[in-house]
Amino acid sequence: MGRRPGRVRMGRRRIQRLERTQRLRAPAERAFEFYAEARNLEAITPPWLGFRMITQGTIEMRAGALIDYRLKLHGVPVRWRTRIEVWEPPLRFIDVQLRGPYSLWEHTHTFERDGDDAVLITDRVRYALPLGPLGGIAHSIFVRRDLERIFNYRAMAVAARLGPTAPDLAVDNPRSMH
């Protein structure tokens, strides 16, 4: 029996995957530098999430860096702590949720040159929800849709901040898998 793409069972936990690729007319190094400033996350997160960085002072992005923030998911306040697991400028970094709404959240960001003046920015997220079957129902009813909206917003916000001309979002990878 074949598995539906985008889902993997690990023990009793169902791992979901979301993948998005965005092409922008900007140097790859510039795109990475934008993401390397942790406080830019606030600017590219949809306002309806009420996202606020709560880590004080300067955040030095590196493997092991911790970032704390608050947001609201459907009006429910959530504290989230992220650790940068992998830091490989200007190619990629990986952040993982240490505390937050998911039982697993692993987000890989890659930056690949596309010709002389463009970059492919790819987000690959592996995630799982708590609460077993209830988490699966929540995923079907709203979590999957919410993540699609969040990443759509993020693509537009990043393009508005990095693209010197009209954004080229030619590759919005429909392999955002459910």
C-alpha atoms as a PDB file:
ATOM      1  CA  MET A   1       0.000   0.000   0.000  1.00  0.00           C
ATOM      2  CA  GLY A   2       1.472   3.400  -1.012  1.00  0.00           C
ATOM      3  CA  ARG A   3       1.783   6.296   1.361  1.00  0.00           C
ATOM      4  CA  ARG A   4       0.370   9.668   0.661  1.00  0.00           C
ATOM      5  CA  PRO A   5       3.267  12.043  -0.236  1.00  0.00           C
ATOM      6  CA  GLY A   6       4.259  14.351   2.553  1.00  0.00           C
ATOM      7  CA  ARG A   7       3.398  12.137   5.479  1.00  0.00           C
ATOM      8  CA  VAL A   8       5.700   9.804   7.320  1.00  0.00           C
ATOM      9  CA  ARG A   9       4.841   7.781  10.390  1.00  0.00           C
ATOM     10  CA  MET A  10       7.445   7.802  13.089  1.00  0.00           C
ATOM     11  CA  GLY A  11       6.292   5.687  15.961  1.00  0.00           C
ATOM     12  CA  ARG A  12       2.769   6.920  16.597  1.00  0.00           C
ATOM     13  CA  ARG A  13       3.594  10.426  15.410  1.00  0.00           C
ATOM     14  CA  ARG A  14       2.696  11.455  11.873  1.00  0.00           C
ATOM     15  CA  ILE A  15       5.368  13.692  10.342  1.00  0.00           C
ATOM     16  CA  GLN A  16       4.072  16.265   7.872  1.00  0.00           C
ATOM     17  CA  ARG A  17       6.181  18.103   5.310  1.00  0.00           C
ATOM     18  CA  LEU A  18       5.872  21.481   3.691  1.00  0.00           C
ATOM     19  CA  GLU A  19       8.226  22.687   0.986  1.00  0.00           C
ATOM     20  CA  ARG A  20       8.269  26.047  -0.744  1.00  0.00           C
ATOM     21  CA  THR A  21      10.735  27.529  -3.217  1.00  0.00           C
ATOM     22  CA  GLN A  22      10.738  31.172  -4.186  1.00  0.00           C
ATOM     23  CA  ARG A  23      12.875  32.820  -6.856  1.00  0.00           C
ATOM     24  CA  LEU A  24      13.900  36.415  -6.335  1.00  0.00           C
ATOM     25  CA  ARG A  25      16.048  38.781  -8.365  1.00  0.00           C
ATOM     26  CA  ALA A  26      18.578  39.389  -5.607  1.00  0.00           C
ATOM     27  CA  PRO A  27      22.036  38.039  -4.827  1.00  0.00           C
ATOM     28  CA  ALA A  28      21.994  34.869  -2.699  1.00  0.00           C
ATOM     29  CA  GLU A  29      24.309  36.507  -0.157  1.00  0.00           C
ATOM     30  CA  ARG A  30      21.897  39.428   0.285  1.00  0.00           C
ATOM     31  CA  ALA A  31      18.994  37.030   0.845  1.00  0.00           C
ATOM     32  CA  PHE A  32      20.962  35.062   3.432  1.00  0.00           C
ATOM     33  CA  GLU A  33      22.004  38.277   5.213  1.00  0.00           C
ATOM     34  CA  PHE A  34      18.349  39.297   5.452  1.00  0.00           C
ATOM     35  CA  TYR A  35      17.459  35.997   7.127  1.00  0.00           C
ATOM     36  CA  ALA A  36      20.587  36.184   9.299  1.00  0.00           C
ATOM     37  CA  GLU A  37      19.065  39.167  11.093  1.00  0.00           C
ATOM     38  CA  ALA A  38      16.678  37.293  13.425  1.00  0.00           C
ATOM     39  CA  ARG A  39      14.540  40.377  14.043  1.00  0.00           C
ATOM     40  CA  ASN A  40      13.504  40.390  10.368  1.00  0.00           C
ATOM     41  CA  LEU A  41      11.281  37.420  11.221  1.00  0.00           C
ATOM     42  CA  GLU A  42       8.805  39.879  12.704  1.00  0.00           C
ATOM     43  CA  ALA A  43       8.592  41.767   9.392  1.00  0.00           C
ATOM     44  CA  ILE A  44       7.839  38.650   7.329  1.00  0.00           C
ATOM     45  CA  THR A  45       5.334  37.050   9.724  1.00  0.00           C
ATOM     46  CA  PRO A  46       1.647  37.752   9.053  1.00  0.00           C
ATOM     47  CA  PRO A  47       0.181  40.424  11.341  1.00  0.00           C
ATOM     48  CA  TRP A  48      -2.758  38.195  12.294  1.00  0.00           C
ATOM     49  CA  LEU A  49      -0.307  36.036  14.288  1.00  0.00           C
ATOM     50  CA  GLY A  50       0.587  38.911  16.629  1.00  0.00           C
ATOM     51  CA  PHE A  51       4.230  37.794  16.465  1.00  0.00           C
ATOM     52  CA  ARG A  52       6.624  39.462  18.926  1.00  0.00           C
ATOM     53  CA  MET A  53      10.289  38.656  19.476  1.00  0.00           C
ATOM     54  CA  ILE A  54      10.943  38.460  23.224  1.00  0.00           C
ATOM     55  CA  THR A  55      14.654  37.638  23.172  1.00  0.00           C
ATOM     56  CA  GLN A  56      16.416  40.713  24.528  1.00  0.00           C
ATOM     57  CA  GLY A  57      19.433  42.390  22.951  1.00  0.00           C
ATOM     58  CA  THR A  58      21.374  41.404  19.887  1.00  0.00           C
ATOM     59  CA  ILE A  59      20.869  37.879  18.612  1.00  0.00           C
ATOM     60  CA  GLU A  60      24.051  36.385  17.224  1.00  0.00           C
ATOM     61  CA  MET A  61      22.928  33.874  14.644  1.00  0.00           C
ATOM     62  CA  ARG A  62      25.054  30.740  14.921  1.00  0.00           C
ATOM     63  CA  ALA A  63      24.627  27.063  15.692  1.00  0.00           C
ATOM     64  CA  GLY A  64      23.193  26.888  19.201  1.00  0.00           C
ATOM     65  CA  ALA A  65      21.584  30.354  19.165  1.00  0.00           C
ATOM     66  CA  LEU A  66      18.263  30.508  21.038  1.00  0.00           C
ATOM     67  CA  ILE A  67      15.391  32.755  19.957  1.00  0.00           C
ATOM     68  CA  ASP A  68      12.221  33.269  21.992  1.00  0.00           C
ATOM     69  CA  TYR A  69       9.016  34.802  20.731  1.00  0.00           C
ATOM     70  CA  ARG A  70       5.286  35.004  21.305  1.00  0.00           C
ATOM     71  CA  LEU A  71       2.454  34.704  18.865  1.00  0.00           C
ATOM     72  CA  LYS A  72      -1.231  33.927  18.808  1.00  0.00           C
ATOM     73  CA  LEU A  73      -2.697  30.916  17.065  1.00  0.00           C
ATOM     74  CA  HIS A  74      -6.408  31.478  16.586  1.00  0.00           C
ATOM     75  CA  GLY A  75      -6.302  33.932  19.484  1.00  0.00           C
ATOM     76  CA  VAL A  76      -4.489  31.536  21.841  1.00  0.00           C
ATOM     77  CA  PRO A  77      -1.183  32.962  23.160  1.00  0.00           C
ATOM     78  CA  VAL A  78       1.797  30.721  22.451  1.00  0.00           C
ATOM     79  CA  ARG A  79       5.426  30.995  23.530  1.00  0.00           C
ATOM     80  CA  TRP A  80       7.910  29.529  21.077  1.00  0.00           C
ATOM     81  CA  ARG A  81      11.608  28.835  21.528  1.00  0.00           C
ATOM     82  CA  THR A  82      13.813  28.067  18.552  1.00  0.00           C
ATOM     83  CA  ARG A  83      17.377  26.803  18.463  1.00  0.00           C
ATOM     84  CA  ILE A  84      19.568  27.204  15.393  1.00  0.00           C
ATOM     85  CA  GLU A  85      20.859  23.678  14.838  1.00  0.00           C
ATOM     86  CA  VAL A  86      22.885  24.259  11.666  1.00  0.00           C
ATOM     87  CA  TRP A  87      24.419  27.550  10.531  1.00  0.00           C
ATOM     88  CA  GLU A  88      26.229  27.474   7.154  1.00  0.00           C
ATOM     89  CA  PRO A  89      26.358  30.982   5.652  1.00  0.00           C
ATOM     90  CA  PRO A  90      25.497  31.761   2.915  1.00  0.00           C
ATOM     91  CA  LEU A  91      24.019  28.379   1.958  1.00  0.00           C
ATOM     92  CA  ARG A  92      21.607  27.198   4.628  1.00  0.00           C
ATOM     93  CA  PHE A  93      20.498  27.091   8.215  1.00  0.00           C
ATOM     94  CA  ILE A  94      18.170  24.874  10.202  1.00  0.00           C
ATOM     95  CA  ASP A  95      16.037  25.924  13.132  1.00  0.00           C
ATOM     96  CA  VAL A  96      14.145  23.593  15.438  1.00  0.00           C
ATOM     97  CA  GLN A  97      11.390  24.298  17.916  1.00  0.00           C
ATOM     98  CA  LEU A  98      12.358  23.511  21.502  1.00  0.00           C
ATOM     99  CA  ARG A  99       9.100  24.818  22.994  1.00  0.00           C
ATOM    100  CA  GLY A 100       5.906  25.614  21.137  1.00  0.00           C
ATOM    101  CA  PRO A 101       2.740  24.193  19.636  1.00  0.00           C
ATOM    102  CA  TYR A 102       4.297  21.350  17.622  1.00  0.00           C
ATOM    103  CA  SER A 103       5.680  18.039  18.839  1.00  0.00           C
ATOM    104  CA  LEU A 104       8.229  18.394  16.001  1.00  0.00           C
ATOM    105  CA  TRP A 105       9.252  21.472  14.001  1.00  0.00           C
ATOM    106  CA  GLU A 106      12.415  21.355  11.901  1.00  0.00           C
ATOM    107  CA  HIS A 107      12.769  24.163   9.371  1.00  0.00           C
ATOM    108  CA  THR A 108      15.561  24.077   6.784  1.00  0.00           C
ATOM    109  CA  HIS A 109      16.247  27.302   4.868  1.00  0.00           C
ATOM    110  CA  THR A 110      18.431  27.046   1.741  1.00  0.00           C
ATOM    111  CA  PHE A 111      19.752  29.786  -0.541  1.00  0.00           C
ATOM    112  CA  GLU A 112      20.881  28.754  -4.006  1.00  0.00           C
ATOM    113  CA  ARG A 113      22.256  31.039  -6.697  1.00  0.00           C
ATOM    114  CA  ASP A 114      20.129  31.053  -9.844  1.00  0.00           C
ATOM    115  CA  GLY A 115      22.228  32.779 -12.489  1.00  0.00           C
ATOM    116  CA  ASP A 116      24.084  36.012 -11.828  1.00  0.00           C
ATOM    117  CA  ASP A 117      21.302  38.026 -10.243  1.00  0.00           C
ATOM    118  CA  ALA A 118      18.786  35.687  -8.649  1.00  0.00           C
ATOM    119  CA  VAL A 119      18.358  33.325  -5.739  1.00  0.00           C
ATOM    120  CA  LEU A 120      16.179  30.334  -5.018  1.00  0.00           C
ATOM    121  CA  ILE A 121      15.078  30.427  -1.394  1.00  0.00           C
ATOM    122  CA  THR A 122      13.696  27.096  -0.251  1.00  0.00           C
ATOM    123  CA  ASP A 123      11.880  26.369   2.994  1.00  0.00           C
ATOM    124  CA  ARG A 124      11.577  22.715   3.975  1.00  0.00           C
ATOM    125  CA  VAL A 125       9.620  22.071   7.129  1.00  0.00           C
ATOM    126  CA  ARG A 126       9.155  18.737   8.871  1.00  0.00           C
ATOM    127  CA  TYR A 127       6.511  19.015  11.552  1.00  0.00           C
ATOM    128  CA  ALA A 128       4.178  16.966  13.699  1.00  0.00           C
ATOM    129  CA  LEU A 129       1.304  17.867  15.940  1.00  0.00           C
ATOM    130  CA  PRO A 130       0.730  16.611  19.476  1.00  0.00           C
ATOM    131  CA  LEU A 131      -2.441  14.889  20.680  1.00  0.00           C
ATOM    132  CA  GLY A 132      -2.426  11.892  18.328  1.00  0.00           C
ATOM    133  CA  PRO A 133      -5.685  11.597  16.371  1.00  0.00           C
ATOM    134  CA  LEU A 134      -6.885  15.015  17.614  1.00  0.00           C
ATOM    135  CA  GLY A 135      -3.721  16.572  16.182  1.00  0.00           C
ATOM    136  CA  GLY A 136      -4.464  14.832  12.880  1.00  0.00           C
ATOM    137  CA  ILE A 137      -7.969  16.283  12.833  1.00  0.00           C
ATOM    138  CA  ALA A 138      -6.619  19.758  13.664  1.00  0.00           C
ATOM    139  CA  HIS A 139      -4.111  19.403  10.816  1.00  0.00           C
ATOM    140  CA  SER A 140      -6.861  18.542   8.350  1.00  0.00           C
ATOM    141  CA  ILE A 141      -9.237  21.256   9.536  1.00  0.00           C
ATOM    142  CA  PHE A 142      -6.933  24.256   9.957  1.00  0.00           C
ATOM    143  CA  VAL A 143      -3.204  23.707  10.599  1.00  0.00           C
ATOM    144  CA  ARG A 144      -2.314  22.790   7.012  1.00  0.00           C
ATOM    145  CA  ARG A 145      -4.321  25.757   5.700  1.00  0.00           C
ATOM    146  CA  ASP A 146      -2.788  28.112   8.267  1.00  0.00           C
ATOM    147  CA  LEU A 147       0.749  27.089   7.309  1.00  0.00           C
ATOM    148  CA  GLU A 148      -0.033  27.607   3.614  1.00  0.00           C
ATOM    149  CA  ARG A 149      -1.300  31.135   4.382  1.00  0.00           C
ATOM    150  CA  ILE A 150       1.718  31.923   6.583  1.00  0.00           C
ATOM    151  CA  PHE A 151       4.219  30.804   3.948  1.00  0.00           C
ATOM    152  CA  ASN A 152       2.310  32.623   1.172  1.00  0.00           C
ATOM    153  CA  TYR A 153       2.484  35.806   3.225  1.00  0.00           C
ATOM    154  CA  ARG A 154       6.159  35.249   3.949  1.00  0.00           C
ATOM    155  CA  ALA A 155       6.976  34.853   0.239  1.00  0.00           C
ATOM    156  CA  MET A 156       5.306  38.170  -0.567  1.00  0.00           C
ATOM    157  CA  ALA A 157       6.929  39.960   2.384  1.00  0.00           C
ATOM    158  CA  VAL A 158      10.410  38.671   1.537  1.00  0.00           C
ATOM    159  CA  ALA A 159       9.961  39.641  -2.126  1.00  0.00           C
ATOM    160  CA  ALA A 160       8.865  43.143  -1.121  1.00  0.00           C
ATOM    161  CA  ARG A 161      11.992  43.591   1.009  1.00  0.00           C
ATOM    162  CA  LEU A 162      14.600  41.925  -1.211  1.00  0.00           C
ATOM    163  CA  GLY A 163      13.461  42.232  -4.801  1.00  0.00           C
ATOM    164  CA  PRO A 164      14.860  45.306  -6.598  1.00  0.00           C
ATOM    165  CA  THR A 165      12.053  44.987  -9.152  1.00  0.00           C
ATOM    166  CA  ALA A 166       8.739  43.203  -9.283  1.00  0.00           C
ATOM    167  CA  PRO A 167       9.041  39.887  -7.462  1.00  0.00           C
ATOM    168  CA  ASP A 168       9.600  36.791  -9.548  1.00  0.00           C
ATOM    169  CA  LEU A 169       7.717  34.120  -7.661  1.00  0.00           C
ATOM    170  CA  ALA A 170       7.810  31.704 -10.570  1.00  0.00           C
ATOM    171  CA  VAL A 171       8.597  28.704  -8.418  1.00  0.00           C
ATOM    172  CA  ASP A 172       6.034  28.454  -5.661  1.00  0.00           C
ATOM    173  CA  ASN A 173       6.521  24.764  -5.212  1.00  0.00           C
ATOM    174  CA  PRO A 174       3.218  22.941  -5.055  1.00  0.00           C
ATOM    175  CA  ARG A 175       5.069  20.139  -3.312  1.00  0.00           C
ATOM    176  CA  SER A 176       3.898  21.732  -0.113  1.00  0.00           C
ATOM    177  CA  MET A 177       2.908  18.295   0.961  1.00  0.00           C
ATOM    178  CA  HIS A 178       0.167  17.338   3.313  1.00  0.00           C
END
